[in-house]
C-alpha cells in the first residue's frame, strides 16, 4: 500500500549536493492514525520506513524494495498533532545491488528516524 496522498502529502522538495529533502505534511484523517492509538495517534515506525522507501523510489524514478537494513534507529515518537510536517532527507547512491540509501526523518525539534540500508528495483 502506498502511503503518499493518504498518510502524508509531499509539500516540497529541495536538493543540495547529494541530499534531497522532502517536506511532508502528515494527514491526520488517515485511517492509520485512527487505528494506531485512537485519541492519541502516533506515527507507526513501519509507516516511517515506508515513507523513506517511497521518497527513495521518487529519486530513483522506479519502484524500490528494501533489500537490507544496516541501521534503523527510532529516536523519538512523531505524532500528527505535534508534528504536522516532517523533513525526509535522503542520500541515495547507485550501488552494485541497487541503491545505498541513508535517510533521516526530522523536524525543527527532533530526529525521529535514522535509516541506512540497501534498496533495489522491484521485480
N, C-alpha and C. Protein backbone atom coordinates (compact mmCIF):
# COMPACT_ATOMS: atom_id res chain seq x y z
N UNK A 1 0.84 -1.18 0.00
CA UNK A 1 0.00 0.00 0.00
C UNK A 1 0.89 1.25 0.00
N UNK A 2 0.64 2.13 -0.91
CA UNK A 2 1.35 3.40 -0.91
C UNK A 2 0.72 4.34 0.09
N UNK A 3 1.56 5.04 0.82
CA UNK A 3 1.08 5.96 1.85
C UNK A 3 0.95 7.40 1.32
N UNK A 4 1.63 7.69 0.23
CA UNK A 4 1.60 9.05 -0.32
C UNK A 4 0.16 9.42 -0.68
N UNK A 5 -0.21 10.63 -0.30
CA UNK A 5 -1.54 11.19 -0.51
C UNK A 5 -2.63 10.50 0.29
N UNK A 6 -2.25 9.65 1.22
CA UNK A 6 -3.19 9.02 2.14
C UNK A 6 -2.74 9.28 3.58
N UNK A 7 -1.50 8.93 3.88
CA UNK A 7 -0.90 9.10 5.20
C UNK A 7 -0.12 10.42 5.28
N UNK A 8 0.45 10.82 4.15
CA UNK A 8 1.21 12.07 4.07
C UNK A 8 1.08 12.64 2.66
N UNK A 9 1.43 13.91 2.54
CA UNK A 9 1.46 14.59 1.25
C UNK A 9 2.80 15.30 1.14
N UNK A 10 3.39 15.28 -0.04
CA UNK A 10 4.65 15.99 -0.26
C UNK A 10 4.33 17.45 -0.53
N UNK A 11 4.86 18.33 0.31
CA UNK A 11 4.62 19.77 0.18
C UNK A 11 5.77 20.47 -0.53
N UNK A 12 6.94 19.84 -0.58
CA UNK A 12 8.08 20.46 -1.23
C UNK A 12 9.24 19.50 -1.33
N UNK A 13 10.21 19.91 -2.13
CA UNK A 13 11.39 19.07 -2.36
C UNK A 13 12.55 20.00 -2.66
N UNK A 14 13.69 19.75 -2.01
CA UNK A 14 14.86 20.59 -2.19
C UNK A 14 16.10 19.70 -2.24
N UNK A 15 16.93 19.89 -3.27
CA UNK A 15 18.16 19.12 -3.39
C UNK A 15 19.36 20.03 -3.21
N UNK A 16 20.27 19.61 -2.34
CA UNK A 16 21.52 20.32 -2.10
C UNK A 16 22.64 19.29 -2.15
N UNK A 17 23.49 19.39 -3.15
CA UNK A 17 24.55 18.38 -3.29
C UNK A 17 23.93 17.02 -3.52
N UNK A 18 24.32 16.04 -2.71
CA UNK A 18 23.80 14.68 -2.84
C UNK A 18 22.52 14.45 -2.04
N UNK A 19 22.16 15.38 -1.20
CA UNK A 19 20.98 15.20 -0.34
C UNK A 19 19.74 15.85 -0.94
N UNK A 20 18.64 15.13 -0.83
CA UNK A 20 17.34 15.68 -1.20
C UNK A 20 16.46 15.62 0.04
N UNK A 21 15.81 16.73 0.33
CA UNK A 21 14.89 16.81 1.46
C UNK A 21 13.47 16.99 0.93
N UNK A 22 12.60 16.09 1.35
CA UNK A 22 11.18 16.20 1.05
C UNK A 22 10.49 16.77 2.29
N UNK A 23 9.76 17.84 2.14
CA UNK A 23 8.92 18.34 3.23
C UNK A 23 7.58 17.64 3.07
N UNK A 24 7.20 16.86 4.09
CA UNK A 24 5.92 16.17 4.02
C UNK A 24 4.98 16.72 5.08
N UNK A 25 3.71 16.66 4.77
CA UNK A 25 2.66 17.06 5.69
C UNK A 25 1.90 15.79 6.06
N UNK A 26 1.80 15.52 7.34
CA UNK A 26 1.06 14.34 7.79
C UNK A 26 -0.44 14.63 7.68
N UNK A 27 -1.20 13.64 7.26
CA UNK A 27 -2.64 13.78 7.06
C UNK A 27 -3.36 13.08 8.20
N UNK A 28 -3.75 13.84 9.25
CA UNK A 28 -4.27 13.25 10.48
C UNK A 28 -5.59 12.50 10.32
N UNK A 29 -6.29 12.66 9.19
CA UNK A 29 -7.54 11.93 8.98
C UNK A 29 -7.33 10.54 8.42
N UNK A 30 -6.08 10.15 8.18
CA UNK A 30 -5.78 8.83 7.64
C UNK A 30 -6.22 7.74 8.64
N UNK A 31 -6.76 6.65 8.11
CA UNK A 31 -7.20 5.54 8.96
C UNK A 31 -6.08 4.95 9.81
N UNK A 32 -4.83 5.06 9.34
CA UNK A 32 -3.70 4.55 10.11
C UNK A 32 -3.69 5.17 11.51
N UNK A 33 -3.93 6.46 11.60
CA UNK A 33 -3.90 7.15 12.90
C UNK A 33 -5.08 6.75 13.77
N UNK A 34 -6.23 6.52 13.15
CA UNK A 34 -7.40 6.09 13.95
C UNK A 34 -7.16 4.71 14.54
N UNK A 35 -6.42 3.86 13.81
CA UNK A 35 -6.15 2.52 14.30
C UNK A 35 -4.91 2.41 15.17
N UNK A 36 -4.07 3.41 15.14
CA UNK A 36 -2.83 3.37 15.91
C UNK A 36 -2.94 4.37 17.05
N UNK A 37 -3.67 3.96 18.06
CA UNK A 37 -3.92 4.67 19.30
C UNK A 37 -4.94 5.79 19.12
N UNK A 38 -6.21 5.42 18.95
CA UNK A 38 -7.28 6.42 18.82
C UNK A 38 -7.24 7.41 19.99
N UNK A 39 -7.40 8.68 19.68
CA UNK A 39 -7.36 9.72 20.70
C UNK A 39 -5.97 10.24 20.97
N UNK A 40 -4.95 9.43 20.75
CA UNK A 40 -3.54 9.82 20.91
C UNK A 40 -2.73 9.20 19.78
N UNK A 41 -3.03 9.58 18.54
CA UNK A 41 -2.36 8.92 17.41
C UNK A 41 -0.87 9.20 17.35
N UNK A 42 -0.13 8.19 16.95
CA UNK A 42 1.31 8.31 16.72
C UNK A 42 1.62 7.77 15.34
N UNK A 43 2.76 8.17 14.81
CA UNK A 43 3.22 7.68 13.52
C UNK A 43 3.89 6.32 13.72
N UNK A 44 3.32 5.26 13.19
CA UNK A 44 3.93 3.95 13.34
C UNK A 44 5.31 3.89 12.67
N UNK A 45 6.25 3.23 13.31
CA UNK A 45 7.59 3.12 12.75
C UNK A 45 7.61 2.50 11.37
N UNK A 46 6.78 1.50 11.14
CA UNK A 46 6.75 0.85 9.83
C UNK A 46 6.30 1.84 8.76
N UNK A 47 5.42 2.77 9.10
CA UNK A 47 4.99 3.79 8.14
C UNK A 47 6.12 4.77 7.86
N UNK A 48 6.91 5.10 8.87
CA UNK A 48 8.05 5.98 8.65
C UNK A 48 9.06 5.34 7.69
N UNK A 49 9.29 4.06 7.84
CA UNK A 49 10.20 3.35 6.93
C UNK A 49 9.60 3.33 5.52
N UNK A 50 8.30 3.13 5.40
CA UNK A 50 7.64 3.13 4.10
C UNK A 50 7.75 4.50 3.43
N UNK A 51 7.64 5.58 4.21
CA UNK A 51 7.79 6.94 3.66
C UNK A 51 9.19 7.09 3.05
N UNK A 52 10.20 6.61 3.76
CA UNK A 52 11.57 6.68 3.24
C UNK A 52 11.67 5.89 1.93
N UNK A 53 11.09 4.71 1.91
CA UNK A 53 11.13 3.88 0.70
C UNK A 53 10.44 4.58 -0.47
N UNK A 54 9.30 5.20 -0.22
CA UNK A 54 8.57 5.89 -1.29
C UNK A 54 9.34 7.11 -1.79
N UNK A 55 9.96 7.86 -0.89
CA UNK A 55 10.75 9.01 -1.32
C UNK A 55 11.99 8.57 -2.10
N UNK A 56 12.62 7.48 -1.68
CA UNK A 56 13.77 6.95 -2.41
C UNK A 56 13.35 6.51 -3.81
N UNK A 57 12.17 5.91 -3.94
CA UNK A 57 11.66 5.49 -5.26
C UNK A 57 11.44 6.69 -6.16
N UNK A 58 10.96 7.79 -5.61
CA UNK A 58 10.80 9.01 -6.40
C UNK A 58 12.14 9.48 -6.95
N UNK A 59 13.18 9.43 -6.11
CA UNK A 59 14.50 9.85 -6.55
C UNK A 59 15.09 8.89 -7.58
N UNK A 60 14.84 7.59 -7.40
CA UNK A 60 15.36 6.59 -8.33
C UNK A 60 14.57 6.56 -9.64
N UNK A 61 13.33 7.04 -9.58
CA UNK A 61 12.48 7.02 -10.77
C UNK A 61 11.88 5.67 -11.07
N UNK A 62 11.84 4.80 -10.05
CA UNK A 62 11.27 3.46 -10.23
C UNK A 62 10.88 2.90 -8.87
N UNK A 63 9.93 1.96 -8.83
CA UNK A 63 9.55 1.34 -7.56
C UNK A 63 10.73 0.58 -6.95
N UNK A 64 10.91 0.71 -5.65
CA UNK A 64 12.02 0.05 -4.96
C UNK A 64 11.50 -0.85 -3.85
N UNK A 65 12.30 -1.84 -3.51
CA UNK A 65 12.08 -2.71 -2.36
C UNK A 65 13.29 -2.59 -1.46
N UNK A 66 13.09 -2.79 -0.17
CA UNK A 66 14.20 -2.78 0.77
C UNK A 66 14.88 -4.14 0.71
N UNK A 67 16.18 -4.12 0.41
CA UNK A 67 16.94 -5.36 0.34
C UNK A 67 17.64 -5.68 1.65
N UNK A 68 18.13 -4.65 2.33
CA UNK A 68 18.84 -4.84 3.60
C UNK A 68 18.76 -3.55 4.40
N UNK A 69 18.64 -3.72 5.69
CA UNK A 69 18.67 -2.59 6.61
C UNK A 69 19.90 -2.75 7.49
N UNK A 70 20.82 -1.81 7.39
CA UNK A 70 22.03 -1.85 8.23
C UNK A 70 21.79 -1.13 9.55
N UNK A 71 20.97 -0.09 9.50
CA UNK A 71 20.66 0.67 10.72
C UNK A 71 19.26 1.25 10.58
N UNK A 72 18.49 1.14 11.62
CA UNK A 72 17.15 1.74 11.66
C UNK A 72 16.89 2.11 13.12
N UNK A 73 17.16 3.38 13.42
CA UNK A 73 17.01 3.84 14.81
C UNK A 73 15.82 4.78 14.91
N UNK A 74 14.87 4.39 15.75
CA UNK A 74 13.72 5.24 16.05
C UNK A 74 14.09 6.01 17.31
N UNK A 75 14.30 7.31 17.18
CA UNK A 75 14.86 8.08 18.28
C UNK A 75 13.84 8.96 18.99
N UNK A 76 12.65 9.11 18.43
CA UNK A 76 11.58 9.89 19.06
C UNK A 76 10.27 9.46 18.41
N UNK A 77 9.17 9.82 19.04
CA UNK A 77 7.84 9.48 18.52
C UNK A 77 7.23 10.71 17.87
N UNK A 78 6.88 10.57 16.61
CA UNK A 78 6.19 11.65 15.89
C UNK A 78 4.69 11.43 15.99
N UNK A 79 3.96 12.52 16.08
CA UNK A 79 2.50 12.46 16.09
C UNK A 79 1.98 13.50 15.10
N UNK A 80 0.86 13.22 14.46
CA UNK A 80 0.33 14.20 13.51
C UNK A 80 -0.12 15.49 14.19
N UNK A 81 -0.43 15.44 15.47
CA UNK A 81 -0.84 16.63 16.21
C UNK A 81 0.33 17.53 16.56
N UNK A 82 1.43 16.95 17.01
CA UNK A 82 2.59 17.73 17.43
C UNK A 82 3.58 17.95 16.29
N UNK A 83 3.52 17.14 15.26
CA UNK A 83 4.46 17.23 14.13
C UNK A 83 3.65 17.26 12.83
N UNK A 84 2.98 18.34 12.53
CA UNK A 84 2.15 18.35 11.32
C UNK A 84 2.96 18.22 10.04
N UNK A 85 4.25 18.55 10.08
CA UNK A 85 5.13 18.39 8.93
C UNK A 85 6.44 17.77 9.39
N UNK A 86 7.09 17.08 8.48
CA UNK A 86 8.39 16.46 8.73
C UNK A 86 9.26 16.63 7.50
N UNK A 87 10.56 16.62 7.71
CA UNK A 87 11.52 16.62 6.61
C UNK A 87 12.10 15.22 6.49
N UNK A 88 11.99 14.66 5.30
CA UNK A 88 12.56 13.35 4.99
C UNK A 88 13.77 13.62 4.11
N UNK A 89 14.96 13.45 4.66
CA UNK A 89 16.20 13.77 3.96
C UNK A 89 16.89 12.48 3.54
N UNK A 90 17.22 12.40 2.25
CA UNK A 90 17.82 11.18 1.71
C UNK A 90 19.09 11.48 0.95
N UNK A 91 20.03 10.56 1.07
CA UNK A 91 21.22 10.49 0.24
C UNK A 91 21.14 9.11 -0.40
N UNK A 92 20.86 9.08 -1.70
CA UNK A 92 20.68 7.80 -2.40
C UNK A 92 21.74 7.72 -3.49
N UNK A 93 22.46 6.60 -3.49
CA UNK A 93 23.58 6.44 -4.43
C UNK A 93 23.51 5.06 -5.07
N UNK A 94 23.65 4.99 -6.39
CA UNK A 94 23.67 3.67 -7.03
C UNK A 94 24.77 2.79 -6.45
N UNK A 95 24.45 1.52 -6.28
CA UNK A 95 25.42 0.55 -5.77
C UNK A 95 25.29 -0.72 -6.62
N UNK A 96 26.14 -1.69 -6.35
CA UNK A 96 26.15 -2.92 -7.14
C UNK A 96 24.79 -3.62 -7.15
N UNK A 97 24.11 -3.64 -6.04
CA UNK A 97 22.84 -4.35 -5.95
C UNK A 97 21.62 -3.48 -6.13
N UNK A 98 21.80 -2.20 -6.34
CA UNK A 98 20.66 -1.30 -6.46
C UNK A 98 21.02 0.11 -6.02
N UNK A 99 20.64 0.44 -4.79
CA UNK A 99 20.90 1.77 -4.25
C UNK A 99 21.25 1.70 -2.76
N UNK A 100 22.28 2.43 -2.39
CA UNK A 100 22.59 2.63 -0.97
C UNK A 100 21.79 3.85 -0.54
N UNK A 101 21.05 3.71 0.55
CA UNK A 101 20.18 4.78 1.00
C UNK A 101 20.50 5.13 2.44
N UNK A 102 20.80 6.41 2.68
CA UNK A 102 20.92 6.95 4.03
C UNK A 102 19.80 7.98 4.16
N UNK A 103 19.01 7.88 5.20
CA UNK A 103 17.85 8.77 5.33
C UNK A 103 17.61 9.14 6.78
N UNK A 104 16.89 10.25 6.92
CA UNK A 104 16.55 10.76 8.25
C UNK A 104 15.17 11.40 8.15
N UNK A 105 14.37 11.19 9.18
CA UNK A 105 13.10 11.90 9.31
C UNK A 105 13.22 12.77 10.54
N UNK A 106 12.99 14.07 10.35
CA UNK A 106 13.17 15.03 11.44
C UNK A 106 12.27 16.24 11.22
N UNK A 107 12.19 17.07 12.23
CA UNK A 107 11.61 18.40 12.11
C UNK A 107 12.54 19.34 12.85
N UNK A 108 12.11 20.54 13.12
CA UNK A 108 12.99 21.50 13.79
C UNK A 108 13.30 21.17 15.23
N UNK A 109 12.57 20.23 15.82
CA UNK A 109 12.77 19.90 17.24
C UNK A 109 13.48 18.59 17.49
N UNK A 110 13.26 17.62 16.61
CA UNK A 110 13.78 16.28 16.91
C UNK A 110 14.05 15.50 15.63
N UNK A 111 14.88 14.47 15.78
CA UNK A 111 15.06 13.46 14.73
C UNK A 111 14.25 12.26 15.18
N UNK A 112 13.44 11.73 14.28
CA UNK A 112 12.54 10.63 14.62
C UNK A 112 13.04 9.28 14.12
N UNK A 113 13.81 9.29 13.03
CA UNK A 113 14.28 8.04 12.45
C UNK A 113 15.57 8.29 11.68
N UNK A 114 16.56 7.42 11.91
CA UNK A 114 17.78 7.36 11.11
C UNK A 114 17.79 6.00 10.44
N UNK A 115 18.03 5.99 9.14
CA UNK A 115 17.96 4.76 8.35
C UNK A 115 19.18 4.67 7.45
N UNK A 116 19.77 3.47 7.38
CA UNK A 116 20.82 3.16 6.43
C UNK A 116 20.52 1.78 5.89
N UNK A 117 20.50 1.67 4.57
CA UNK A 117 20.21 0.36 4.00
C UNK A 117 20.40 0.31 2.51
N UNK A 118 20.00 -0.80 1.94
CA UNK A 118 20.09 -1.05 0.50
C UNK A 118 18.67 -1.27 -0.04
N UNK A 119 18.42 -0.67 -1.18
CA UNK A 119 17.15 -0.88 -1.87
C UNK A 119 17.45 -1.29 -3.29
N UNK A 120 16.52 -2.06 -3.86
CA UNK A 120 16.68 -2.50 -5.23
C UNK A 120 15.36 -2.36 -5.97
N UNK A 121 15.45 -2.39 -7.30
CA UNK A 121 14.25 -2.25 -8.12
C UNK A 121 13.30 -3.40 -7.86
N UNK A 122 12.02 -3.07 -7.72
CA UNK A 122 11.02 -4.11 -7.50
C UNK A 122 10.88 -4.95 -8.75
N UNK A 123 10.72 -6.23 -8.54
CA UNK A 123 10.56 -7.15 -9.67
C UNK A 123 9.14 -7.11 -10.20
